[in-house]
Amino acid sequence: MKKTGVFLLGLFSLIYLLNPTAGFFELIPDNIPLIGNLDEAAAVTLLLMCLRDFGYDLPNIFTPKQ
């Protein structure tokens, strides 16, 4: 059940990131100065956390394994 929830959150964040502004939904309008892109940053963070849960640690992909 946990993996299904993580998968759905990752899918939601991926769809949100692939949906450019003026799309179906936008949590914070991008034309607001300084905070307009915080929703996209949160979606990227959520997607990276979901991928890490499935075993893909993208922030550390280029660090050598010891």
C-alpha atoms as a PDB file:
ATOM      1  CA  MET A   1       0.000   0.000   0.000  1.00  0.00           C
ATOM      2  CA  LYS A   2       2.904   2.367   0.773  1.00  0.00           C
ATOM      3  CA  LYS A   3       4.532   1.774  -2.620  1.00  0.00           C
ATOM      4  CA  THR A   4       1.255   2.597  -4.358  1.00  0.00           C
ATOM      5  CA  GLY A   5       0.986   5.906  -2.499  1.00  0.00           C
ATOM      6  CA  VAL A   6       4.606   6.779  -3.259  1.00  0.00           C
ATOM      7  CA  PHE A   7       4.074   5.888  -6.914  1.00  0.00           C
ATOM      8  CA  LEU A   8       0.948   8.068  -7.129  1.00  0.00           C
ATOM      9  CA  LEU A   9       2.741  11.020  -5.470  1.00  0.00           C
ATOM     10  CA  GLY A  10       5.640  10.642  -7.892  1.00  0.00           C
ATOM     11  CA  LEU A  11       3.256  10.437 -10.829  1.00  0.00           C
ATOM     12  CA  PHE A  12       1.405  13.553  -9.648  1.00  0.00           C
ATOM     13  CA  SER A  13       4.642  15.510  -9.290  1.00  0.00           C
ATOM     14  CA  LEU A  14       5.855  14.365 -12.722  1.00  0.00           C
ATOM     15  CA  ILE A  15       2.581  15.409 -14.357  1.00  0.00           C
ATOM     16  CA  TYR A  16       2.731  18.720 -12.505  1.00  0.00           C
ATOM     17  CA  LEU A  17       6.259  19.364 -13.782  1.00  0.00           C
ATOM     18  CA  LEU A  18       5.430  18.376 -17.362  1.00  0.00           C
ATOM     19  CA  ASN A  19       2.383  20.655 -17.310  1.00  0.00           C
ATOM     20  CA  PRO A  20       3.788  24.103 -18.131  1.00  0.00           C
ATOM     21  CA  THR A  21       2.183  27.274 -16.841  1.00  0.00           C
ATOM     22  CA  ALA A  22      -1.289  28.109 -18.104  1.00  0.00           C
ATOM     23  CA  GLY A  23      -2.057  24.413 -18.091  1.00  0.00           C
ATOM     24  CA  PHE A  24      -4.813  22.588 -16.252  1.00  0.00           C
ATOM     25  CA  PHE A  25      -3.751  23.539 -12.740  1.00  0.00           C
ATOM     26  CA  GLU A  26      -1.241  25.790 -11.044  1.00  0.00           C
ATOM     27  CA  LEU A  27      -0.818  25.967  -7.272  1.00  0.00           C
ATOM     28  CA  ILE A  28       1.109  29.256  -7.147  1.00  0.00           C
ATOM     29  CA  PRO A  29       1.034  31.540 -10.214  1.00  0.00           C
ATOM     30  CA  ASP A  30       4.510  31.961 -11.692  1.00  0.00           C
ATOM     31  CA  ASN A  31       4.147  35.709 -12.154  1.00  0.00           C
ATOM     32  CA  ILE A  32       4.325  36.347  -8.397  1.00  0.00           C
ATOM     33  CA  PRO A  33       7.877  37.597  -7.692  1.00  0.00           C
ATOM     34  CA  LEU A  34      10.185  35.428  -5.555  1.00  0.00           C
ATOM     35  CA  ILE A  35       7.602  32.777  -4.657  1.00  0.00           C
ATOM     36  CA  GLY A  36       6.182  31.976  -8.076  1.00  0.00           C
ATOM     37  CA  ASN A  37       8.382  28.944  -8.651  1.00  0.00           C
ATOM     38  CA  LEU A  38       8.177  27.404  -5.194  1.00  0.00           C
ATOM     39  CA  ASP A  39       5.511  24.937  -6.257  1.00  0.00           C
ATOM     40  CA  GLU A  40       7.757  23.595  -9.021  1.00  0.00           C
ATOM     41  CA  ALA A  41      10.649  23.307  -6.564  1.00  0.00           C
ATOM     42  CA  ALA A  42       8.410  21.350  -4.193  1.00  0.00           C
ATOM     43  CA  ALA A  43       7.324  19.073  -7.050  1.00  0.00           C
ATOM     44  CA  VAL A  44      10.965  18.366  -7.983  1.00  0.00           C
ATOM     45  CA  THR A  45      11.797  17.598  -4.355  1.00  0.00           C
ATOM     46  CA  LEU A  46       8.791  15.293  -4.069  1.00  0.00           C
ATOM     47  CA  LEU A  47       9.725  13.495  -7.288  1.00  0.00           C
ATOM     48  CA  LEU A  48      13.322  12.983  -6.113  1.00  0.00           C
ATOM     49  CA  MET A  49      12.097  11.625  -2.772  1.00  0.00           C
ATOM     50  CA  CYS A  50       9.736   9.207  -4.523  1.00  0.00           C
ATOM     51  CA  LEU A  51      12.481   8.026  -6.861  1.00  0.00           C
ATOM     52  CA  ARG A  52      14.796   7.500  -3.878  1.00  0.00           C
ATOM     53  CA  ASP A  53      12.131   5.325  -2.260  1.00  0.00           C
ATOM     54  CA  PHE A  54      12.189   3.107  -5.360  1.00  0.00           C
ATOM     55  CA  GLY A  55      15.986   2.879  -5.329  1.00  0.00           C
ATOM     56  CA  TYR A  56      16.981   5.644  -7.761  1.00  0.00           C
ATOM     57  CA  ASP A  57      19.121   8.127  -5.845  1.00  0.00           C
ATOM     58  CA  LEU A  58      19.531  10.791  -8.530  1.00  0.00           C
ATOM     59  CA  PRO A  59      21.258  13.517  -6.457  1.00  0.00           C
ATOM     60  CA  ASN A  60      24.106  11.081  -5.757  1.00  0.00           C
ATOM     61  CA  ILE A  61      24.234   9.436  -9.167  1.00  0.00           C
ATOM     62  CA  PHE A  62      27.691  10.776 -10.044  1.00  0.00           C
ATOM     63  CA  THR A  63      29.414  10.074  -6.718  1.00  0.00           C
ATOM     64  CA  PRO A  64      31.761   7.095  -6.913  1.00  0.00           C
ATOM     65  CA  LYS A  65      30.758   3.937  -5.063  1.00  0.00           C
ATOM     66  CA  GLN A  66      33.218   2.813  -2.417  1.00  0.00           C
END
